[in-house]
Structure formats: structure tokens, C-alpha cells
Amino acid sequence: MPRVTHVIVPRYPLTDFLFERMHGFDDVKIIEHPLSRRRGSGLLRGIEVYLLFWLRRSFHFDRAYVDQLARIRPDDSVIFFALENRKDLQIARKFIAAFRQVVWLWNPIRNYRGNALSRLWYRHWIGRSGMQAYTFDPADARDHGLRLAPQVYRRVTPDDLPAPHGEAPRRDVYFLGIDKGRLPALQALKADFDRIGLSSHFHVVADKRRRYREGDRAWLASRWLPYDENLRQVFESRALLELLQSTQSGPTIRSMEALFLNRKLITNNRSLRETPLYHPSRIFILGQDDMAGLRHFIDGPIEPPAAAVLRAHDIQFWIRRFEA
């Protein structure tokens, strides 16, 4: 039998979208990693990792999932896609015989490991695990000795688009994101857009446990958008707005949406200027480009990306770089 690459993926709307067309390949198998939200699941994982690590069964994961892992052959390859919880990785890996195992960290380590000691231990554990660890984030790669791989997305066909499609964009700029302390900056940008006559739609989701003033509450959406609705909003807009926090670098999913869906990008991510994604007709960098030219940027033609740039980030080809 040919070697198979098994991609172990936690399921949520964006990963469902990315892997939707990856289920029909003979040499690529998608395994859904169960996400437990049960009360006490963290304690149960801890017991299994620290006390019952020798046991060839799992109390945390169900038998069907464990059986899928146990069927992976030594010559196969495994990609843990966006599976960043150390205890989940430790439990899953004890059932996998494959020699080649890769973990793709889809979030910077500093985002989910809050202090330096925790980050040091996490990186030490990955280094000793025998897995190859990859990130899209150049700062994370530099700071933690990780390997760098491109951000990932997938090609979009008319069948993927929420009906109706093919119409001209209804607005100039669209933003989707959780507040994360960015609301004042978003409000200031909205005022700038209004001043130069750009229409915009901001879908800002409130931070949990944060109390907002009444004037700010009017800015906040009541729910996160389903991904198909986000796609609709993208196609109804000429440009996407991205406002990164200081801890992030490298191309994000928002920059992938702009690239693959042929939309312009307004961003404060200065690192994009040094990537193959950059073209002045497609990317406007806040803090570097002159705001007086933003209207011209929005109204100007857009240079299509090169096929090689799309291919580098396309999930169907991206997976192949990790094969044995």
C-alpha cells in the first residue's frame, strides 16, 4: 500500500472550510480530533498524561478516535494541524506508530503560553518529542527555533460562494474580528474612512468579561459570523481591513482571504511588504503608506497574484511539503 499522510485536525468552521475538498484523496486521510468542552476535561487530561501515560487506552478520548490513530502505519506521515494543546498531543501520540510526525502551530506560542517560563517549557517539550514543529509566524520561528512554512488557505470556486454571487461589491472596506482592545483604533480608522468617502462595515465581537460604555456597545455585534456569511461579506467588499496586535507577524488568514478571493487588503502588518504576497495595488500598509493615497488605492485596479504565490499557500499543495 502507498504511504498515507494523516492530517489530525480539530474541527471548527474554518478547518471545515479548509479541508472540505481533502477527503477524496487516497494518499491523504483527514482525522477529526475531538474537542472536549466537558467540565473537568483538563483534570482528566492531566491524570492521563502524568499518571497513566503507560496505559494503552484513553479515558479522555473515545475509542473510535483512538482506533483511527492506532491504524496509522510506521511508514505513514502525520500532521497535527492546529493541535497546540500539549496534553492532547501527548495522549494522541502514544497511539501512533508513524516515525514522521509534524505539528503545525496555527497560533503563535506567545498567544497561548502567557509567560516566558511556560513558553520555554512548551518549546523544550516539542524539541524532545521528536516532532518537527512549524509555524507561519517569522517571530515565533526566530524566538522558539521553529521551522517556517507558509500560511495556508484554499482555492474558492463559485460553488463555495453564498448565493447570490457575481455581483459588484456593495462597499469599500470590511472588518471582522474580536475587539481584543482594538476598538479605539477601529473607531479612529472608521472616522478616517468616512472622511475620505469610503463606505465600510465593521463586525466587532465583544471581549468576554469586559464591560463597555454605552457608546461603545453600539459598535459591537451580538455574535460571531458563520464562515459562509463571512465569505459573503468579503465578496460584498472591495477591501478587507486587518488590524494586528503587536504579538503577531507573518501572513494571516485575513491576508489569505484577500489573496485567494482577489480583494485588496488594508493592514498594519508591515512584514507583508517583504513577502511574495505584496503588491502596491493589493496591499496598503497603515503607518507606512500615505493615508492621502488610500482613496486612490481603493479605486485603482488590482494586479492578480502570480499562480506560484497561490500554489504556495493552497492546502492541496501545502500538505505535500510535509510528506516523507
Foldseek 3Di string as FASTA:
>chain_A
DDAAEEEEEADDQQVCQQCVPVPPDPRYHYAHDYDDPDPCLVVQLVCCQPPVLVDLDGPNDDPVSLVVQLPRDQCYEYEHECPQDPSSVSNSVVNHNHLAYEYENADQPCVPQPDPVSSVVSLVCCVVVNYQYEYCFPVSCVVRVHHYAHAAGAADDPVLADPPAPDQAQFAEEEEDEPPVCQVVVVVVVVLCVVVPGGYDYAYAYDPPDDDDPVSVVNYDPDHDRVNVVRNNQRNYQEYEDEDDPVGAGDHVRLVCCQNVVHAYEYQRPNCVVDLSDDQLRYHHPPPDDSVCPVVSSPDDHDHRDPVVNLSRHPVNSVVVSTD
